[in-house]
Amino acid sequence: MASAKEIRGQIKATQNTSKITKAMEMVAASKMRKAQEAVTSSRSYADGLHTVVANLMQSHPEYKHTFLIPRDEVKRVAYIVVSSDKGLCGGLNTNVLKHALTSMKEVKETAEVEVLNIGRRAGLFMRRVATLAASAEDINDEPEFSEILGVVSLAVDKFIKGEYDEVRLVYNTFVNTMTQTPTEMKLLPCPEPEAESRSGYWDYLYEPDSKVVLDGLLRRYVETIVYQAVLENKACEQSARMVAMKSATDNAKDIISDLQITYNKARQAAITQELAEICAGAAAA
């Protein structure tokens, strides 16, 4: 059994760790609320843009944009993998990276794979298992669109040039505070969005013309999907970190309780031994 002094040191160290994890839990809770609000507000914009694009395409079914035409043969596939920059958020990054890796293994049987990562954790892992074409790291807790624009533009430009035949997006979808789901979707060529059949709903005025507007909107549509994925992942990150830090704090309290019992036993044993030695000395005298 360890000495009482050693156990006191362990208790003190665990208490200090508990204070740190409790503070991180409170910080993550505060950031989580802001991230959830950002996700909720951005979903309205993404849904609105989706509706406009669908209605425009419905009004011009004969026009096939490059983003909508599947390639005859898929030889090169790009993955945009979204993760967090920091750890201490449970299995959030592990789950999304495992999902991406499983998908990539299937694709590698018939095509080459390149990765464009958003978030340091994805970059650290993917550069060991795949070719890394671009990276965006150190994303703010309140992400700016400009922070991911370089990665998205590179993927889109390479798709237009024919260097990529398909672009996929892998990220975590925010369901609720306790649930975050790894999600994969085909970004390019994007499936034609379906619009609601409502009379006069897509009766727009175009300037300069509808095709120019559609070209610009489709690119913005793709960029918005990726930006929405980054916001979703940020909300997932803060939620997972809050839960992980709460679990760590609770575990620290349990450890302290067990150590306190061990300390009391060691202290009691030391006192008993001292009393026995005193009695033995008195008897000998």
C-alpha atoms as a PDB file:
ATOM      1  CA  MET A   1       0.000   0.000   0.000  1.00  0.00           C
ATOM      2  CA  ALA A   2       1.262   3.480  -0.866  1.00  0.00           C
ATOM      3  CA  SER A   3       2.130   5.807   1.973  1.00  0.00           C
ATOM      4  CA  ALA A   4      -0.348   8.432   3.193  1.00  0.00           C
ATOM      5  CA  LYS A   5       1.860  11.195   1.787  1.00  0.00           C
ATOM      6  CA  GLU A   6       1.842   9.648  -1.709  1.00  0.00           C
ATOM      7  CA  ILE A   7      -1.917   9.213  -1.623  1.00  0.00           C
ATOM      8  CA  ARG A   8      -2.374  12.858  -0.573  1.00  0.00           C
ATOM      9  CA  GLY A   9      -0.309  13.846  -3.597  1.00  0.00           C
ATOM     10  CA  GLN A  10      -2.499  11.745  -5.887  1.00  0.00           C
ATOM     11  CA  ILE A  11      -5.641  13.294  -4.416  1.00  0.00           C
ATOM     12  CA  LYS A  12      -4.277  16.812  -4.945  1.00  0.00           C
ATOM     13  CA  ALA A  13      -3.277  16.070  -8.547  1.00  0.00           C
ATOM     14  CA  THR A  14      -6.689  14.560  -9.332  1.00  0.00           C
ATOM     15  CA  GLN A  15      -8.453  17.561  -7.771  1.00  0.00           C
ATOM     16  CA  ASN A  16      -6.430  19.908  -9.978  1.00  0.00           C
ATOM     17  CA  THR A  17      -7.320  17.842 -13.056  1.00  0.00           C
ATOM     18  CA  SER A  18     -10.971  17.937 -12.031  1.00  0.00           C
ATOM     19  CA  LYS A  19     -10.883  21.741 -11.853  1.00  0.00           C
ATOM     20  CA  ILE A  20      -9.423  21.913 -15.384  1.00  0.00           C
ATOM     21  CA  THR A  21     -11.994  19.532 -16.896  1.00  0.00           C
ATOM     22  CA  LYS A  22     -14.839  21.379 -15.141  1.00  0.00           C
ATOM     23  CA  ALA A  23     -13.650  24.684 -16.588  1.00  0.00           C
ATOM     24  CA  MET A  24     -13.351  23.137 -20.069  1.00  0.00           C
ATOM     25  CA  GLU A  25     -16.865  21.731 -19.711  1.00  0.00           C
ATOM     26  CA  MET A  26     -18.276  25.184 -18.932  1.00  0.00           C
ATOM     27  CA  VAL A  27     -16.391  26.805 -21.814  1.00  0.00           C
ATOM     28  CA  ALA A  28     -17.587  24.113 -24.234  1.00  0.00           C
ATOM     29  CA  ALA A  29     -21.187  24.564 -23.020  1.00  0.00           C
ATOM     30  CA  SER A  30     -21.013  28.280 -23.746  1.00  0.00           C
ATOM     31  CA  LYS A  31     -19.513  27.738 -27.198  1.00  0.00           C
ATOM     32  CA  MET A  32     -21.995  24.958 -27.922  1.00  0.00           C
ATOM     33  CA  ARG A  33     -24.977  27.296 -27.580  1.00  0.00           C
ATOM     34  CA  LYS A  34     -23.441  29.739 -30.052  1.00  0.00           C
ATOM     35  CA  ALA A  35     -22.572  26.926 -32.458  1.00  0.00           C
ATOM     36  CA  GLN A  36     -26.112  25.535 -32.314  1.00  0.00           C
ATOM     37  CA  GLU A  37     -27.553  28.966 -33.061  1.00  0.00           C
ATOM     38  CA  ALA A  38     -25.182  29.316 -36.039  1.00  0.00           C
ATOM     39  CA  VAL A  39     -26.257  25.918 -37.406  1.00  0.00           C
ATOM     40  CA  THR A  40     -29.936  26.717 -37.014  1.00  0.00           C
ATOM     41  CA  SER A  41     -29.698  30.098 -38.728  1.00  0.00           C
ATOM     42  CA  SER A  42     -27.520  28.803 -41.570  1.00  0.00           C
ATOM     43  CA  ARG A  43     -29.903  25.945 -42.294  1.00  0.00           C
ATOM     44  CA  SER A  44     -32.572  28.458 -43.263  1.00  0.00           C
ATOM     45  CA  TYR A  45     -30.217  30.087 -45.778  1.00  0.00           C
ATOM     46  CA  ALA A  46     -29.109  26.708 -47.175  1.00  0.00           C
ATOM     47  CA  ASP A  47     -32.714  25.550 -47.549  1.00  0.00           C
ATOM     48  CA  GLY A  48     -33.669  28.814 -49.263  1.00  0.00           C
ATOM     49  CA  LEU A  49     -30.756  28.549 -51.707  1.00  0.00           C
ATOM     50  CA  HIS A  50     -31.666  24.922 -52.397  1.00  0.00           C
ATOM     51  CA  THR A  51     -35.226  25.975 -53.273  1.00  0.00           C
ATOM     52  CA  VAL A  52     -34.100  28.777 -55.603  1.00  0.00           C
ATOM     53  CA  VAL A  53     -31.676  26.480 -57.470  1.00  0.00           C
ATOM     54  CA  ALA A  54     -34.324  23.768 -57.797  1.00  0.00           C
ATOM     55  CA  ASN A  55     -36.877  26.204 -59.161  1.00  0.00           C
ATOM     56  CA  LEU A  56     -34.422  27.676 -61.659  1.00  0.00           C
ATOM     57  CA  MET A  57     -33.523  24.232 -62.951  1.00  0.00           C
ATOM     58  CA  GLN A  58     -37.188  23.318 -63.172  1.00  0.00           C
ATOM     59  CA  SER A  59     -37.797  26.340 -65.358  1.00  0.00           C
ATOM     60  CA  HIS A  60     -34.879  25.348 -67.679  1.00  0.00           C
ATOM     61  CA  PRO A  61     -34.830  21.522 -67.784  1.00  0.00           C
ATOM     62  CA  GLU A  62     -32.947  21.535 -71.098  1.00  0.00           C
ATOM     63  CA  TYR A  63     -29.889  23.242 -69.561  1.00  0.00           C
ATOM     64  CA  LYS A  64     -27.398  20.794 -68.069  1.00  0.00           C
ATOM     65  CA  HIS A  65     -24.685  22.378 -65.977  1.00  0.00           C
ATOM     66  CA  THR A  66     -21.247  20.768 -65.558  1.00  0.00           C
ATOM     67  CA  PHE A  67     -21.982  20.204 -61.885  1.00  0.00           C
ATOM     68  CA  LEU A  68     -24.983  18.030 -62.766  1.00  0.00           C
ATOM     69  CA  ILE A  69     -23.516  15.734 -65.445  1.00  0.00           C
ATOM     70  CA  PRO A  70     -22.168  12.385 -64.113  1.00  0.00           C
ATOM     71  CA  ARG A  71     -18.871  11.245 -65.617  1.00  0.00           C
ATOM     72  CA  ASP A  72     -18.908   8.148 -67.816  1.00  0.00           C
ATOM     73  CA  GLU A  73     -15.980   6.648 -65.904  1.00  0.00           C
ATOM     74  CA  VAL A  74     -14.919   7.591 -62.380  1.00  0.00           C
ATOM     75  CA  LYS A  75     -11.115   7.417 -62.212  1.00  0.00           C
ATOM     76  CA  ARG A  76     -10.272  10.025 -59.552  1.00  0.00           C
ATOM     77  CA  VAL A  77     -12.329  10.801 -56.466  1.00  0.00           C
ATOM     78  CA  ALA A  78     -11.714  13.626 -54.009  1.00  0.00           C
ATOM     79  CA  TYR A  79     -12.833  13.538 -50.396  1.00  0.00           C
ATOM     80  CA  ILE A  80     -13.410  16.718 -48.415  1.00  0.00           C
ATOM     81  CA  VAL A  81     -13.115  15.503 -44.816  1.00  0.00           C
ATOM     82  CA  VAL A  82     -14.252  17.842 -42.032  1.00  0.00           C
ATOM     83  CA  SER A  83     -12.902  17.364 -38.510  1.00  0.00           C
ATOM     84  CA  SER A  84     -11.966  19.471 -35.501  1.00  0.00           C
ATOM     85  CA  ASP A  85      -8.618  21.179 -34.939  1.00  0.00           C
ATOM     86  CA  LYS A  86      -8.408  20.107 -31.295  1.00  0.00           C
ATOM     87  CA  GLY A  87      -8.994  16.871 -29.459  1.00  0.00           C
ATOM     88  CA  LEU A  88     -10.616  16.135 -26.091  1.00  0.00           C
ATOM     89  CA  CYS A  89     -13.998  15.664 -27.741  1.00  0.00           C
ATOM     90  CA  GLY A  90     -14.591  11.965 -27.228  1.00  0.00           C
ATOM     91  CA  GLY A  91     -14.861   9.745 -30.285  1.00  0.00           C
ATOM     92  CA  LEU A  92     -16.103  12.505 -32.599  1.00  0.00           C
ATOM     93  CA  ASN A  93     -13.050  12.645 -34.871  1.00  0.00           C
ATOM     94  CA  THR A  94     -12.401   8.908 -34.646  1.00  0.00           C
ATOM     95  CA  ASN A  95     -15.904   8.133 -35.893  1.00  0.00           C
ATOM     96  CA  VAL A  96     -15.836  10.490 -38.878  1.00  0.00           C
ATOM     97  CA  LEU A  97     -12.299   9.456 -39.896  1.00  0.00           C
ATOM     98  CA  LYS A  98     -13.214   5.785 -39.606  1.00  0.00           C
ATOM     99  CA  HIS A  99     -16.263   6.415 -41.801  1.00  0.00           C
ATOM    100  CA  ALA A 100     -14.147   8.244 -44.396  1.00  0.00           C
ATOM    101  CA  LEU A 101     -11.470   5.538 -44.375  1.00  0.00           C
ATOM    102  CA  THR A 102     -14.022   2.770 -44.919  1.00  0.00           C
ATOM    103  CA  SER A 103     -15.529   4.631 -47.870  1.00  0.00           C
ATOM    104  CA  MET A 104     -12.097   5.374 -49.341  1.00  0.00           C
ATOM    105  CA  LYS A 105     -11.078   1.711 -49.201  1.00  0.00           C
ATOM    106  CA  GLU A 106     -14.102   0.790 -51.302  1.00  0.00           C
ATOM    107  CA  VAL A 107     -13.417   3.551 -53.836  1.00  0.00           C
ATOM    108  CA  LYS A 108      -9.696   2.697 -54.111  1.00  0.00           C
ATOM    109  CA  GLU A 109     -10.609  -0.625 -55.695  1.00  0.00           C
ATOM    110  CA  THR A 110     -11.642   1.179 -58.897  1.00  0.00           C
ATOM    111  CA  ALA A 111     -10.316   4.756 -58.660  1.00  0.00           C
ATOM    112  CA  GLU A 112      -7.583   6.992 -57.258  1.00  0.00           C
ATOM    113  CA  VAL A 113      -8.341   8.980 -54.128  1.00  0.00           C
ATOM    114  CA  GLU A 114      -7.212  12.409 -52.936  1.00  0.00           C
ATOM    115  CA  VAL A 115      -8.158  14.148 -49.696  1.00  0.00           C
ATOM    116  CA  LEU A 116      -8.842  17.799 -48.955  1.00  0.00           C
ATOM    117  CA  ASN A 117      -9.120  18.249 -45.214  1.00  0.00           C
ATOM    118  CA  ILE A 118     -10.810  20.914 -43.143  1.00  0.00           C
ATOM    119  CA  GLY A 119      -9.535  20.634 -39.580  1.00  0.00           C
ATOM    120  CA  ARG A 120      -6.115  19.604 -38.245  1.00  0.00           C
ATOM    121  CA  ARG A 121      -7.173  16.188 -36.924  1.00  0.00           C
ATOM    122  CA  ALA A 122      -8.204  15.001 -40.375  1.00  0.00           C
ATOM    123  CA  GLY A 123      -4.938  16.285 -41.843  1.00  0.00           C
ATOM    124  CA  LEU A 124      -2.768  14.513 -39.272  1.00  0.00           C
ATOM    125  CA  PHE A 125      -4.491  11.209 -39.975  1.00  0.00           C
ATOM    126  CA  MET A 126      -5.139  11.407 -43.716  1.00  0.00           C
ATOM    127  CA  ARG A 127      -1.605  12.353 -44.732  1.00  0.00           C
ATOM    128  CA  ARG A 128      -0.546   8.915 -43.484  1.00  0.00           C
ATOM    129  CA  VAL A 129      -3.106   6.941 -45.498  1.00  0.00           C
ATOM    130  CA  ALA A 130      -3.861   9.022 -48.602  1.00  0.00           C
ATOM    131  CA  THR A 131      -2.636  11.828 -50.855  1.00  0.00           C
ATOM    132  CA  LEU A 132      -3.404  15.208 -49.287  1.00  0.00           C
ATOM    133  CA  ALA A 133      -4.241  17.798 -51.962  1.00  0.00           C
ATOM    134  CA  ALA A 134      -5.205  20.772 -49.770  1.00  0.00           C
ATOM    135  CA  SER A 135      -5.740  21.678 -46.151  1.00  0.00           C
ATOM    136  CA  ALA A 136      -7.607  24.297 -44.124  1.00  0.00           C
ATOM    137  CA  GLU A 137      -6.739  24.347 -40.431  1.00  0.00           C
ATOM    138  CA  ASP A 138      -7.135  26.546 -37.360  1.00  0.00           C
ATOM    139  CA  ILE A 139     -10.801  27.222 -38.115  1.00  0.00           C
ATOM    140  CA  ASN A 140     -12.375  29.714 -35.710  1.00  0.00           C
ATOM    141  CA  ASP A 141     -15.049  28.635 -33.252  1.00  0.00           C
ATOM    142  CA  GLU A 142     -17.324  30.901 -35.292  1.00  0.00           C
ATOM    143  CA  PRO A 143     -16.168  29.847 -38.805  1.00  0.00           C
ATOM    144  CA  GLU A 144     -15.858  32.422 -41.552  1.00  0.00           C
ATOM    145  CA  PHE A 145     -16.695  31.429 -45.121  1.00  0.00           C
ATOM    146  CA  SER A 146     -13.310  32.700 -46.299  1.00  0.00           C
ATOM    147  CA  GLU A 147     -11.508  30.127 -44.121  1.00  0.00           C
ATOM    148  CA  ILE A 148     -12.731  27.204 -46.236  1.00  0.00           C
ATOM    149  CA  LEU A 149     -13.089  28.924 -49.601  1.00  0.00           C
ATOM    150  CA  GLY A 150      -9.619  27.884 -50.800  1.00  0.00           C
ATOM    151  CA  VAL A 151     -10.274  24.170 -50.279  1.00  0.00           C
ATOM    152  CA  VAL A 152     -13.730  24.292 -51.866  1.00  0.00           C
ATOM    153  CA  SER A 153     -12.569  26.363 -54.851  1.00  0.00           C
ATOM    154  CA  LEU A 154      -9.714  23.942 -55.528  1.00  0.00           C
ATOM    155  CA  ALA A 155     -12.059  20.945 -55.495  1.00  0.00           C
ATOM    156  CA  VAL A 156     -14.592  22.693 -57.747  1.00  0.00           C
ATOM    157  CA  ASP A 157     -11.958  23.923 -60.235  1.00  0.00           C
ATOM    158  CA  LYS A 158     -10.376  20.464 -60.497  1.00  0.00           C
ATOM    159  CA  PHE A 159     -13.802  18.946 -61.087  1.00  0.00           C
ATOM    160  CA  ILE A 160     -14.526  21.436 -63.868  1.00  0.00           C
ATOM    161  CA  LYS A 161     -11.131  20.706 -65.472  1.00  0.00           C
ATOM    162  CA  GLY A 162     -11.775  16.981 -65.318  1.00  0.00           C
ATOM    163  CA  GLU A 163      -9.025  16.233 -62.792  1.00  0.00           C
ATOM    164  CA  TYR A 164     -11.678  14.949 -60.403  1.00  0.00           C
ATOM    165  CA  ASP A 165     -14.557  12.821 -61.601  1.00  0.00           C
ATOM    166  CA  GLU A 166     -16.334  12.916 -58.278  1.00  0.00           C
ATOM    167  CA  VAL A 167     -16.131  14.935 -55.062  1.00  0.00           C
ATOM    168  CA  ARG A 168     -17.486  13.583 -51.774  1.00  0.00           C
ATOM    169  CA  LEU A 169     -18.019  15.327 -48.461  1.00  0.00           C
ATOM    170  CA  VAL A 170     -17.620  13.596 -45.076  1.00  0.00           C
ATOM    171  CA  TYR A 171     -18.518  15.371 -41.830  1.00  0.00           C
ATOM    172  CA  ASN A 172     -20.441  15.046 -38.566  1.00  0.00           C
ATOM    173  CA  THR A 173     -24.111  16.006 -38.539  1.00  0.00           C
ATOM    174  CA  PHE A 174     -25.426  17.626 -35.384  1.00  0.00           C
ATOM    175  CA  VAL A 175     -28.533  15.792 -34.137  1.00  0.00           C
ATOM    176  CA  ASN A 176     -28.599  16.839 -30.505  1.00  0.00           C
ATOM    177  CA  THR A 177     -26.206  17.372 -27.619  1.00  0.00           C
ATOM    178  CA  MET A 178     -25.673  13.647 -27.093  1.00  0.00           C
ATOM    179  CA  THR A 179     -25.807  12.486 -30.719  1.00  0.00           C
ATOM    180  CA  GLN A 180     -23.492  13.348 -33.605  1.00  0.00           C
ATOM    181  CA  THR A 181     -23.703  11.249 -36.759  1.00  0.00           C
ATOM    182  CA  PRO A 182     -20.907  10.762 -39.365  1.00  0.00           C
ATOM    183  CA  THR A 183     -22.385  11.721 -42.722  1.00  0.00           C
ATOM    184  CA  GLU A 184     -21.194  11.234 -46.295  1.00  0.00           C
ATOM    185  CA  MET A 185     -22.683  12.856 -49.372  1.00  0.00           C
ATOM    186  CA  LYS A 186     -21.789  13.200 -53.027  1.00  0.00           C
ATOM    187  CA  LEU A 187     -20.940  16.861 -53.521  1.00  0.00           C
ATOM    188  CA  LEU A 188     -20.088  16.775 -57.229  1.00  0.00           C
ATOM    189  CA  PRO A 189     -21.725  15.948 -59.516  1.00  0.00           C
ATOM    190  CA  CYS A 190     -24.538  17.097 -57.282  1.00  0.00           C
ATOM    191  CA  PRO A 191     -27.942  15.442 -57.614  1.00  0.00           C
ATOM    192  CA  GLU A 192     -30.570  17.645 -59.187  1.00  0.00           C
ATOM    193  CA  PRO A 193     -32.548  19.216 -56.337  1.00  0.00           C
ATOM    194  CA  GLU A 194     -36.287  18.694 -56.387  1.00  0.00           C
ATOM    195  CA  ALA A 195     -38.488  21.744 -56.071  1.00  0.00           C
ATOM    196  CA  GLU A 196     -41.970  22.002 -54.686  1.00  0.00           C
ATOM    197  CA  SER A 197     -44.575  22.107 -57.412  1.00  0.00           C
ATOM    198  CA  ARG A 198     -46.205  25.397 -56.643  1.00  0.00           C
ATOM    199  CA  SER A 199     -47.728  27.531 -59.382  1.00  0.00           C
ATOM    200  CA  GLY A 200     -45.703  30.677 -60.058  1.00  0.00           C
ATOM    201  CA  TYR A 201     -43.293  29.833 -57.274  1.00  0.00           C
ATOM    202  CA  TRP A 202     -40.236  30.193 -59.526  1.00  0.00           C
ATOM    203  CA  ASP A 203     -41.399  33.136 -61.590  1.00  0.00           C
ATOM    204  CA  TYR A 204     -38.200  35.203 -61.200  1.00  0.00           C
ATOM    205  CA  LEU A 205     -36.744  38.189 -63.047  1.00  0.00           C
ATOM    206  CA  TYR A 206     -33.183  37.433 -64.241  1.00  0.00           C
ATOM    207  CA  GLU A 207     -30.277  39.807 -64.794  1.00  0.00           C
ATOM    208  CA  PRO A 208     -28.408  39.322 -67.078  1.00  0.00           C
ATOM    209  CA  ASP A 209     -30.100  35.972 -67.877  1.00  0.00           C
ATOM    210  CA  SER A 210     -31.228  32.791 -66.168  1.00  0.00           C
ATOM    211  CA  LYS A 211     -28.262  30.626 -67.253  1.00  0.00           C
ATOM    212  CA  VAL A 212     -25.700  33.083 -65.893  1.00  0.00           C
ATOM    213  CA  VAL A 213     -27.623  33.267 -62.644  1.00  0.00           C
ATOM    214  CA  LEU A 214     -27.844  29.466 -62.484  1.00  0.00           C
ATOM    215  CA  ASP A 215     -24.088  29.091 -63.084  1.00  0.00           C
ATOM    216  CA  GLY A 216     -23.313  31.422 -60.187  1.00  0.00           C
ATOM    217  CA  LEU A 217     -25.929  29.895 -57.909  1.00  0.00           C
ATOM    218  CA  LEU A 218     -24.750  26.317 -58.452  1.00  0.00           C
ATOM    219  CA  ARG A 219     -21.209  27.215 -57.430  1.00  0.00           C
ATOM    220  CA  ARG A 220     -22.504  29.096 -54.409  1.00  0.00           C
ATOM    221  CA  TYR A 221     -24.787  26.137 -53.680  1.00  0.00           C
ATOM    222  CA  VAL A 222     -21.790  23.765 -53.492  1.00  0.00           C
ATOM    223  CA  GLU A 223     -19.824  26.217 -51.334  1.00  0.00           C
ATOM    224  CA  THR A 224     -22.803  26.614 -49.002  1.00  0.00           C
ATOM    225  CA  ILE A 225     -23.127  22.856 -48.517  1.00  0.00           C
ATOM    226  CA  VAL A 226     -19.482  22.640 -47.386  1.00  0.00           C
ATOM    227  CA  TYR A 227     -19.829  25.698 -45.136  1.00  0.00           C
ATOM    228  CA  GLN A 228     -22.947  24.186 -43.592  1.00  0.00           C
ATOM    229  CA  ALA A 229     -20.985  20.978 -42.954  1.00  0.00           C
ATOM    230  CA  VAL A 230     -18.276  22.967 -41.134  1.00  0.00           C
ATOM    231  CA  LEU A 231     -20.897  24.653 -38.937  1.00  0.00           C
ATOM    232  CA  GLU A 232     -22.518  21.293 -38.210  1.00  0.00           C
ATOM    233  CA  ASN A 233     -19.146  19.844 -37.249  1.00  0.00           C
ATOM    234  CA  LYS A 234     -18.393  22.790 -34.936  1.00  0.00           C
ATOM    235  CA  ALA A 235     -21.657  22.262 -33.089  1.00  0.00           C
ATOM    236  CA  CYS A 236     -20.845  18.550 -32.840  1.00  0.00           C
ATOM    237  CA  GLU A 237     -17.342  19.331 -31.553  1.00  0.00           C
ATOM    238  CA  GLN A 238     -18.480  21.596 -28.731  1.00  0.00           C
ATOM    239  CA  SER A 239     -21.279  19.209 -27.728  1.00  0.00           C
ATOM    240  CA  ALA A 240     -18.945  16.206 -27.702  1.00  0.00           C
ATOM    241  CA  ARG A 241     -16.298  18.129 -25.769  1.00  0.00           C
ATOM    242  CA  MET A 242     -18.812  19.262 -23.150  1.00  0.00           C
ATOM    243  CA  VAL A 243     -20.015  15.679 -22.652  1.00  0.00           C
ATOM    244  CA  ALA A 244     -16.451  14.309 -22.577  1.00  0.00           C
ATOM    245  CA  MET A 245     -15.291  16.891 -20.037  1.00  0.00           C
ATOM    246  CA  LYS A 246     -18.342  16.266 -17.858  1.00  0.00           C
ATOM    247  CA  SER A 247     -17.570  12.560 -17.926  1.00  0.00           C
ATOM    248  CA  ALA A 248     -13.925  13.281 -17.054  1.00  0.00           C
ATOM    249  CA  THR A 249     -14.975  15.499 -14.138  1.00  0.00           C
ATOM    250  CA  ASP A 250     -17.330  12.819 -12.792  1.00  0.00           C
ATOM    251  CA  ASN A 251     -14.629  10.168 -13.124  1.00  0.00           C
ATOM    252  CA  ALA A 252     -12.160  12.412 -11.272  1.00  0.00           C
ATOM    253  CA  LYS A 253     -14.638  12.747  -8.403  1.00  0.00           C
ATOM    254  CA  ASP A 254     -14.995   8.955  -8.230  1.00  0.00           C
ATOM    255  CA  ILE A 255     -11.210   8.544  -8.190  1.00  0.00           C
ATOM    256  CA  ILE A 256     -10.860  11.140  -5.431  1.00  0.00           C
ATOM    257  CA  SER A 257     -13.493   9.324  -3.374  1.00  0.00           C
ATOM    258  CA  ASP A 258     -11.655   6.012  -3.765  1.00  0.00           C
ATOM    259  CA  LEU A 259      -8.308   7.622  -2.969  1.00  0.00           C
ATOM    260  CA  GLN A 260      -9.780   9.238   0.145  1.00  0.00           C
ATOM    261  CA  ILE A 261     -10.880   5.830   1.422  1.00  0.00           C
ATOM    262  CA  THR A 262      -7.431   4.414   0.674  1.00  0.00           C
ATOM    263  CA  TYR A 263      -5.822   7.371   2.431  1.00  0.00           C
ATOM    264  CA  ASN A 264      -7.958   6.852   5.546  1.00  0.00           C
ATOM    265  CA  LYS A 265      -7.014   3.161   5.618  1.00  0.00           C
ATOM    266  CA  ALA A 266      -3.306   3.966   5.258  1.00  0.00           C
ATOM    267  CA  ARG A 267      -3.529   6.632   7.959  1.00  0.00           C
ATOM    268  CA  GLN A 268      -5.369   4.263  10.273  1.00  0.00           C
ATOM    269  CA  ALA A 269      -2.790   1.519   9.657  1.00  0.00           C
ATOM    270  CA  ALA A 270       0.062   3.930  10.425  1.00  0.00           C
ATOM    271  CA  ILE A 271      -1.582   5.019  13.688  1.00  0.00           C
ATOM    272  CA  THR A 272      -2.230   1.408  14.690  1.00  0.00           C
ATOM    273  CA  GLN A 273       1.392   0.515  14.001  1.00  0.00           C
ATOM    274  CA  GLU A 274       2.649   3.443  16.088  1.00  0.00           C
ATOM    275  CA  LEU A 275       0.384   2.440  18.999  1.00  0.00           C
ATOM    276  CA  ALA A 276       1.614  -1.151  18.783  1.00  0.00           C
ATOM    277  CA  GLU A 277       5.227   0.020  18.871  1.00  0.00           C
ATOM    278  CA  ILE A 278       4.541   2.257  21.882  1.00  0.00           C
ATOM    279  CA  CYS A 279       2.850  -0.587  23.766  1.00  0.00           C
ATOM    280  CA  ALA A 280       5.675  -2.969  22.878  1.00  0.00           C
ATOM    281  CA  GLY A 281       8.257  -0.484  24.105  1.00  0.00           C
ATOM    282  CA  ALA A 282       6.363   0.083  27.367  1.00  0.00           C
ATOM    283  CA  ALA A 283       6.086  -3.680  27.975  1.00  0.00           C
ATOM    284  CA  ALA A 284       9.783  -4.179  27.342  1.00  0.00           C
ATOM    285  CA  ALA A 285      10.624  -1.450  29.844  1.00  0.00           C
END
